[in-house]
Each structure stands twice: as structure tokens, then as C-alpha cells.
C-alpha atoms as a PDB file:
ATOM      1  CA  UNK A   1     -66.902  45.689  50.399  1.00  0.00           C
ATOM      2  CA  UNK A   2     -70.017  45.897  52.469  1.00  0.00           C
ATOM      3  CA  UNK A   3     -70.043  43.919  55.697  1.00  0.00           C
ATOM      4  CA  UNK A   4     -72.726  41.197  55.558  1.00  0.00           C
ATOM      5  CA  UNK A   5     -75.132  41.225  58.423  1.00  0.00           C
ATOM      6  CA  UNK A   6     -75.096  37.819  60.114  1.00  0.00           C
ATOM      7  CA  UNK A   7     -72.946  34.752  59.746  1.00  0.00           C
ATOM      8  CA  UNK A   8     -74.620  31.286  59.877  1.00  0.00           C
ATOM      9  CA  UNK A   9     -73.147  28.694  57.561  1.00  0.00           C
ATOM     10  CA  UNK A  10     -70.375  29.163  54.914  1.00  0.00           C
ATOM     11  CA  UNK A  11     -69.381  26.635  52.193  1.00  0.00           C
ATOM     12  CA  UNK A  12     -66.353  27.219  50.001  1.00  0.00           C
ATOM     13  CA  UNK A  13     -62.895  26.253  49.012  1.00  0.00           C
ATOM     14  CA  UNK A  14     -59.699  26.918  50.909  1.00  0.00           C
ATOM     15  CA  UNK A  15     -56.388  28.661  50.175  1.00  0.00           C
ATOM     16  CA  UNK A  16     -53.541  27.106  52.062  1.00  0.00           C
ATOM     17  CA  UNK A  17     -51.038  29.521  53.496  1.00  0.00           C
ATOM     18  CA  UNK A  18     -48.628  27.258  55.181  1.00  0.00           C
ATOM     19  CA  UNK A  19     -46.952  29.850  57.263  1.00  0.00           C
ATOM     20  CA  UNK A  20     -46.813  30.686  61.065  1.00  0.00           C
ATOM     21  CA  UNK A  21     -46.455  34.157  62.718  1.00  0.00           C
ATOM     22  CA  UNK A  22     -48.033  36.068  59.715  1.00  0.00           C
ATOM     23  CA  UNK A  23     -48.047  39.558  60.918  1.00  0.00           C
ATOM     24  CA  UNK A  24     -50.377  42.432  59.937  1.00  0.00           C
ATOM     25  CA  UNK A  25     -47.621  44.167  58.007  1.00  0.00           C
ATOM     26  CA  UNK A  26     -47.543  41.265  55.560  1.00  0.00           C
ATOM     27  CA  UNK A  27     -51.253  41.144  55.514  1.00  0.00           C
ATOM     28  CA  UNK A  28     -51.392  44.719  54.459  1.00  0.00           C
ATOM     29  CA  UNK A  29     -48.185  46.789  54.408  1.00  0.00           C
ATOM     30  CA  UNK A  30     -48.065  50.181  56.067  1.00  0.00           C
ATOM     31  CA  UNK A  31     -47.757  52.168  52.880  1.00  0.00           C
ATOM     32  CA  UNK A  32     -51.309  51.254  51.917  1.00  0.00           C
ATOM     33  CA  UNK A  33     -52.910  52.427  55.131  1.00  0.00           C
ATOM     34  CA  UNK A  34     -54.117  55.575  53.513  1.00  0.00           C
ATOM     35  CA  UNK A  35     -57.842  55.059  52.851  1.00  0.00           C
ATOM     36  CA  UNK A  36     -60.789  55.996  55.129  1.00  0.00           C
ATOM     37  CA  UNK A  37     -63.055  53.276  53.916  1.00  0.00           C
ATOM     38  CA  UNK A  38     -62.924  49.477  54.057  1.00  0.00           C
ATOM     39  CA  UNK A  39     -62.707  48.989  50.335  1.00  0.00           C
ATOM     40  CA  UNK A  40     -59.718  48.659  47.915  1.00  0.00           C
ATOM     41  CA  UNK A  41     -57.369  46.906  50.296  1.00  0.00           C
ATOM     42  CA  UNK A  42     -57.689  43.366  48.790  1.00  0.00           C
ATOM     43  CA  UNK A  43     -55.407  44.264  45.866  1.00  0.00           C
ATOM     44  CA  UNK A  44     -52.598  44.758  48.278  1.00  0.00           C
ATOM     45  CA  UNK A  45     -53.235  41.762  50.518  1.00  0.00           C
ATOM     46  CA  UNK A  46     -49.885  39.936  51.122  1.00  0.00           C
ATOM     47  CA  UNK A  47     -48.334  42.469  48.862  1.00  0.00           C
ATOM     48  CA  UNK A  48     -44.657  41.728  49.554  1.00  0.00           C
ATOM     49  CA  UNK A  49     -45.108  37.933  48.939  1.00  0.00           C
ATOM     50  CA  UNK A  50     -47.680  38.105  46.180  1.00  0.00           C
ATOM     51  CA  UNK A  51     -46.101  40.374  43.628  1.00  0.00           C
ATOM     52  CA  UNK A  52     -42.601  40.334  42.026  1.00  0.00           C
ATOM     53  CA  UNK A  53     -40.462  43.460  42.232  1.00  0.00           C
ATOM     54  CA  UNK A  54     -43.319  45.224  44.222  1.00  0.00           C
ATOM     55  CA  UNK A  55     -45.328  45.423  40.951  1.00  0.00           C
ATOM     56  CA  UNK A  56     -48.961  44.448  41.054  1.00  0.00           C
ATOM     57  CA  UNK A  57     -48.829  43.688  37.406  1.00  0.00           C
ATOM     58  CA  UNK A  58     -46.363  40.910  37.992  1.00  0.00           C
ATOM     59  CA  UNK A  59     -47.902  38.318  40.351  1.00  0.00           C
ATOM     60  CA  UNK A  60     -45.473  35.716  41.695  1.00  0.00           C
ATOM     61  CA  UNK A  61     -46.693  32.421  40.245  1.00  0.00           C
ATOM     62  CA  UNK A  62     -45.268  30.571  43.213  1.00  0.00           C
ATOM     63  CA  UNK A  63     -47.344  32.356  45.783  1.00  0.00           C
ATOM     64  CA  UNK A  64     -50.424  30.344  46.876  1.00  0.00           C
ATOM     65  CA  UNK A  65     -52.942  33.202  46.305  1.00  0.00           C
ATOM     66  CA  UNK A  66     -51.827  33.439  42.609  1.00  0.00           C
ATOM     67  CA  UNK A  67     -52.375  29.738  41.931  1.00  0.00           C
ATOM     68  CA  UNK A  68     -55.384  29.128  39.563  1.00  0.00           C
ATOM     69  CA  UNK A  69     -56.569  26.124  41.742  1.00  0.00           C
ATOM     70  CA  UNK A  70     -57.241  28.571  44.712  1.00  0.00           C
ATOM     71  CA  UNK A  71     -58.768  31.307  42.772  1.00  0.00           C
ATOM     72  CA  UNK A  72     -62.121  32.357  44.436  1.00  0.00           C
ATOM     73  CA  UNK A  73     -61.351  30.625  47.687  1.00  0.00           C
ATOM     74  CA  UNK A  74     -63.288  32.082  50.619  1.00  0.00           C
ATOM     75  CA  UNK A  75     -61.355  30.305  53.372  1.00  0.00           C
ATOM     76  CA  UNK A  76     -57.678  30.912  54.360  1.00  0.00           C
ATOM     77  CA  UNK A  77     -55.791  28.150  55.988  1.00  0.00           C
ATOM     78  CA  UNK A  78     -52.806  29.319  58.097  1.00  0.00           C
ATOM     79  CA  UNK A  79     -50.581  28.320  60.960  1.00  0.00           C
ATOM     80  CA  UNK A  80     -49.704  29.567  64.537  1.00  0.00           C
ATOM     81  CA  UNK A  81     -50.149  33.264  65.821  1.00  0.00           C
ATOM     82  CA  UNK A  82     -51.836  34.564  62.721  1.00  0.00           C
ATOM     83  CA  UNK A  83     -52.374  38.283  62.689  1.00  0.00           C
ATOM     84  CA  UNK A  84     -49.624  39.145  65.112  1.00  0.00           C
ATOM     85  CA  UNK A  85     -47.928  42.521  64.948  1.00  0.00           C
ATOM     86  CA  UNK A  86     -49.666  45.916  64.928  1.00  0.00           C
ATOM     87  CA  UNK A  87     -53.335  46.309  65.746  1.00  0.00           C
ATOM     88  CA  UNK A  88     -54.273  47.731  62.365  1.00  0.00           C
ATOM     89  CA  UNK A  89     -57.941  46.928  61.450  1.00  0.00           C
ATOM     90  CA  UNK A  90     -56.955  47.331  57.775  1.00  0.00           C
ATOM     91  CA  UNK A  91     -55.705  43.685  57.911  1.00  0.00           C
ATOM     92  CA  UNK A  92     -59.237  42.072  58.155  1.00  0.00           C
ATOM     93  CA  UNK A  93     -60.451  44.772  55.755  1.00  0.00           C
ATOM     94  CA  UNK A  94     -57.840  43.573  53.198  1.00  0.00           C
ATOM     95  CA  UNK A  95     -58.735  39.926  53.832  1.00  0.00           C
ATOM     96  CA  UNK A  96     -62.562  40.581  53.488  1.00  0.00           C
ATOM     97  CA  UNK A  97     -61.972  42.781  50.384  1.00  0.00           C
ATOM     98  CA  UNK A  98     -60.140  39.955  48.779  1.00  0.00           C
ATOM     99  CA  UNK A  99     -63.002  37.522  49.461  1.00  0.00           C
ATOM    100  CA  UNK A 100     -62.007  35.654  52.527  1.00  0.00           C
ATOM    101  CA  UNK A 101     -64.907  34.978  54.874  1.00  0.00           C
ATOM    102  CA  UNK A 102     -63.258  32.412  57.173  1.00  0.00           C
ATOM    103  CA  UNK A 103     -59.694  32.143  58.453  1.00  0.00           C
ATOM    104  CA  UNK A 104     -58.569  28.781  59.973  1.00  0.00           C
ATOM    105  CA  UNK A 105     -55.461  28.693  61.901  1.00  0.00           C
ATOM    106  CA  UNK A 106     -53.690  27.145  64.905  1.00  0.00           C
ATOM    107  CA  UNK A 107     -54.057  30.426  66.850  1.00  0.00           C
ATOM    108  CA  UNK A 108     -54.631  34.079  66.410  1.00  0.00           C
ATOM    109  CA  UNK A 109     -53.173  37.327  67.873  1.00  0.00           C
ATOM    110  CA  UNK A 110     -55.859  38.650  70.361  1.00  0.00           C
ATOM    111  CA  UNK A 111     -56.438  42.030  68.687  1.00  0.00           C
ATOM    112  CA  UNK A 112     -56.598  40.589  65.221  1.00  0.00           C
ATOM    113  CA  UNK A 113     -59.066  38.098  66.416  1.00  0.00           C
ATOM    114  CA  UNK A 114     -61.368  40.682  67.844  1.00  0.00           C
ATOM    115  CA  UNK A 115     -60.919  42.752  64.588  1.00  0.00           C
ATOM    116  CA  UNK A 116     -62.167  39.792  62.614  1.00  0.00           C
ATOM    117  CA  UNK A 117     -65.326  39.525  64.684  1.00  0.00           C
ATOM    118  CA  UNK A 118     -65.919  43.274  64.124  1.00  0.00           C
ATOM    119  CA  UNK A 119     -65.783  42.715  60.517  1.00  0.00           C
ATOM    120  CA  UNK A 120     -67.744  39.609  60.123  1.00  0.00           C
ATOM    121  CA  UNK A 121     -64.829  37.260  59.361  1.00  0.00           C
ATOM    122  CA  UNK A 122     -64.907  33.999  61.270  1.00  0.00           C
ATOM    123  CA  UNK A 123     -61.636  33.090  62.953  1.00  0.00           C
ATOM    124  CA  UNK A 124     -61.507  29.348  63.684  1.00  0.00           C
ATOM    125  CA  UNK A 125     -58.758  27.843  65.852  1.00  0.00           C
ATOM    126  CA  UNK A 126     -57.957  24.150  65.462  1.00  0.00           C
ATOM    127  CA  UNK A 127     -55.538  21.793  67.142  1.00  0.00           C
ATOM    128  CA  UNK A 128     -52.489  21.056  64.972  1.00  0.00           C
ATOM    129  CA  UNK A 129     -53.448  17.546  64.104  1.00  0.00           C
ATOM    130  CA  UNK A 130     -56.824  18.660  62.756  1.00  0.00           C
ATOM    131  CA  UNK A 131     -55.294  21.570  60.991  1.00  0.00           C
ATOM    132  CA  UNK A 132     -52.671  19.220  59.386  1.00  0.00           C
ATOM    133  CA  UNK A 133     -55.625  17.034  58.103  1.00  0.00           C
ATOM    134  CA  UNK A 134     -57.112  20.107  56.445  1.00  0.00           C
ATOM    135  CA  UNK A 135     -53.774  21.190  54.814  1.00  0.00           C
ATOM    136  CA  UNK A 136     -53.291  17.583  53.529  1.00  0.00           C
ATOM    137  CA  UNK A 137     -56.887  17.369  52.130  1.00  0.00           C
ATOM    138  CA  UNK A 138     -56.660  20.743  50.319  1.00  0.00           C
ATOM    139  CA  UNK A 139     -53.225  19.865  48.976  1.00  0.00           C
ATOM    140  CA  UNK A 140     -54.644  16.523  47.562  1.00  0.00           C
ATOM    141  CA  UNK A 141     -57.934  18.072  46.481  1.00  0.00           C
ATOM    142  CA  UNK A 142     -57.886  21.909  46.067  1.00  0.00           C
ATOM    143  CA  UNK A 143     -61.492  21.991  45.032  1.00  0.00           C
ATOM    144  CA  UNK A 144     -62.718  20.366  48.276  1.00  0.00           C
ATOM    145  CA  UNK A 145     -65.801  22.172  49.628  1.00  0.00           C
ATOM    146  CA  UNK A 146     -65.460  22.994  53.225  1.00  0.00           C
ATOM    147  CA  UNK A 147     -68.553  23.575  55.260  1.00  0.00           C
ATOM    148  CA  UNK A 148     -68.464  25.773  58.389  1.00  0.00           C
ATOM    149  CA  UNK A 149     -71.781  25.730  60.504  1.00  0.00           C
ATOM    150  CA  UNK A 150     -71.225  28.440  63.100  1.00  0.00           C
ATOM    151  CA  UNK A 151     -74.335  27.888  65.212  1.00  0.00           C
ATOM    152  CA  UNK A 152     -73.326  24.082  65.547  1.00  0.00           C
ATOM    153  CA  UNK A 153     -69.672  24.884  65.695  1.00  0.00           C
ATOM    154  CA  UNK A 154     -69.015  22.268  63.084  1.00  0.00           C
ATOM    155  CA  UNK A 155     -66.487  22.043  60.222  1.00  0.00           C
ATOM    156  CA  UNK A 156     -67.010  19.318  57.644  1.00  0.00           C
ATOM    157  CA  UNK A 157     -64.806  18.534  54.569  1.00  0.00           C
ATOM    158  CA  UNK A 158     -64.876  15.275  52.676  1.00  0.00           C
ATOM    159  CA  UNK A 159     -64.474  12.604  55.470  1.00  0.00           C
ATOM    160  CA  UNK A 160     -63.419  15.164  58.092  1.00  0.00           C
ATOM    161  CA  UNK A 161     -65.843  16.329  60.728  1.00  0.00           C
ATOM    162  CA  UNK A 162     -64.408  18.835  63.282  1.00  0.00           C
ATOM    163  CA  UNK A 163     -66.012  20.554  66.141  1.00  0.00           C
ATOM    164  CA  UNK A 164     -64.389  23.995  67.006  1.00  0.00           C
ATOM    165  CA  UNK A 165     -64.520  26.316  69.983  1.00  0.00           C
ATOM    166  CA  UNK A 166     -65.316  29.957  69.830  1.00  0.00           C
ATOM    167  CA  UNK A 167     -66.064  32.408  72.644  1.00  0.00           C
ATOM    168  CA  UNK A 168     -69.867  32.743  73.200  1.00  0.00           C
ATOM    169  CA  UNK A 169     -69.891  36.507  72.856  1.00  0.00           C
ATOM    170  CA  UNK A 170     -67.991  36.359  69.548  1.00  0.00           C
ATOM    171  CA  UNK A 171     -70.212  33.681  68.181  1.00  0.00           C
ATOM    172  CA  UNK A 172     -73.327  35.664  69.041  1.00  0.00           C
ATOM    173  CA  UNK A 173     -72.048  38.895  67.408  1.00  0.00           C
ATOM    174  CA  UNK A 174     -71.167  36.982  64.203  1.00  0.00           C
ATOM    175  CA  UNK A 175     -74.515  35.342  64.007  1.00  0.00           C
ATOM    176  CA  UNK A 176     -76.281  38.607  64.797  1.00  0.00           C
ATOM    177  CA  UNK A 177     -74.087  40.704  62.520  1.00  0.00           C
ATOM    178  CA  UNK A 178     -72.929  43.133  65.290  1.00  0.00           C
ATOM    179  CA  UNK A 179     -69.720  44.936  65.627  1.00  0.00           C
ATOM    180  CA  UNK A 180     -68.636  46.498  68.919  1.00  0.00           C
ATOM    181  CA  UNK A 181     -70.572  49.775  68.314  1.00  0.00           C
ATOM    182  CA  UNK A 182     -73.772  47.874  67.259  1.00  0.00           C
ATOM    183  CA  UNK A 183     -73.567  45.811  70.426  1.00  0.00           C
ATOM    184  CA  UNK A 184     -73.160  49.053  72.675  1.00  0.00           C
ATOM    185  CA  UNK A 185     -76.036  50.749  70.762  1.00  0.00           C
ATOM    186  CA  UNK A 186     -78.349  47.828  71.812  1.00  0.00           C
ATOM    187  CA  UNK A 187     -78.310  49.555  75.169  1.00  0.00           C
ATOM    188  CA  UNK A 188     -78.938  52.979  73.809  1.00  0.00           C
ATOM    189  CA  UNK A 189     -82.037  53.611  75.852  1.00  0.00           C
ATOM    190  CA  UNK A 190     -80.255  52.549  79.068  1.00  0.00           C
ATOM    191  CA  UNK A 191     -77.390  54.833  78.168  1.00  0.00           C
ATOM    192  CA  UNK A 192     -79.771  57.792  77.615  1.00  0.00           C
ATOM    193  CA  UNK A 193     -81.589  57.057  80.806  1.00  0.00           C
ATOM    194  CA  UNK A 194     -78.351  57.153  82.701  1.00  0.00           C
ATOM    195  CA  UNK A 195     -77.357  60.443  81.134  1.00  0.00           C
ATOM    196  CA  UNK A 196     -80.646  61.992  82.157  1.00  0.00           C
ATOM    197  CA  UNK A 197     -80.199  60.822  85.741  1.00  0.00           C
ATOM    198  CA  UNK A 198     -76.796  62.594  85.954  1.00  0.00           C
ATOM    199  CA  UNK A 199     -76.859  66.156  87.494  1.00  0.00           C
ATOM    200  CA  UNK A 200     -75.883  68.916  85.016  1.00  0.00           C
ATOM    201  CA  UNK A 201     -72.626  70.648  85.635  1.00  0.00           C
ATOM    202  CA  UNK A 202     -72.791  74.424  86.206  1.00  0.00           C
END
């Protein structure tokens, strides 16, 4: 999974995970944190909920990711405090590797939110009433196309039109495709100049 550079507008269907307090150990259990690249984690996303008897050849037909009507969804709907628990960056890696580009929830754990920004996943926080409207719409019409315009901070779906908030720095980094290291390297010349001004230690 290569991180795309720059987020502008995304259009896709949504997978409704109607759960609050989804922690990072449910997103990607600790036994799979063995790789050194960002790829290959999607298969284990929601492993304990997604498979029967811990067997990847036995998908649980009752789990929402395994339902045919949500195959290929690039937007994940969730509830409060999504991404709580440990700070593992593998959680957004697994979400992105599975194919999710946008996560819409009532709220996010702070570290998870920042890890999403670093990995070009857009986390959108919505008030409960607007989130409920989205869940209802997707339940009634799973193939509903949801459009997220990040520069305009607008979400539209069917008759819904929702304005969402996002910190200015997070928005800029997503639009420009910058992770935290990229952002620092924009000041590389100033960093080098500062280094050259410093006296050498004997």
C-alpha cells in the first residue's frame, strides 16, 4: 500500500461499524505487529470480529466487513472514541491496506487521529445527530455514494449536506500529502543553517 500524495475529494460507499470505543487492538491485534512495511495488514483488520475461530478462511457472515453490500467500501462509519488504546501506527496501516480512505466517527483518540493524518487517511468527526443520519442512510441504501470535499470541508450524500471541522494544520497536510517528517523537511535549509551557526564541540 503506497500512500497517495495529496487528498482533495473522495467519492465512495460506506461500511457502517456501529460500535463505540473501538480500540487499536481490535483494529490490528498485537500478534500481527511483526512487519516493517505498511503493507499486508489489511487481511488482519478487525481480526477477532471478522473471522470465526481465528481462521482467516472462515469469515463471519454477520460481521459488517464481510457483507457483500459493503464490499469495496472506502469509507468507514463508526461511533465515539474510535482508535482508542495503544498508539500503534499499524492501525491506520491496516485500515488503509484494506482500502479505507475516510473514517467518519463521533470522535477519535488523539494519537490515532494524528496517525491517520500521517498516513493520508481523513478522519471526520461529526455530531451524533448527523452521524445517525448517515448510519440510517447507509442502512437503507448501502450503495449510497458519499462525497467528501476536504478543501470545502463538505460531506454530501443523497439529500444530506454536512459541513465538518478539521484542524487547519491537519487539513493542509492532507491536501499537500505531507506526513510529519515531510513537514519538518520543508525547513531543511533553515535546519542546516542553524546547524552551521552552532559552534563545534571539542
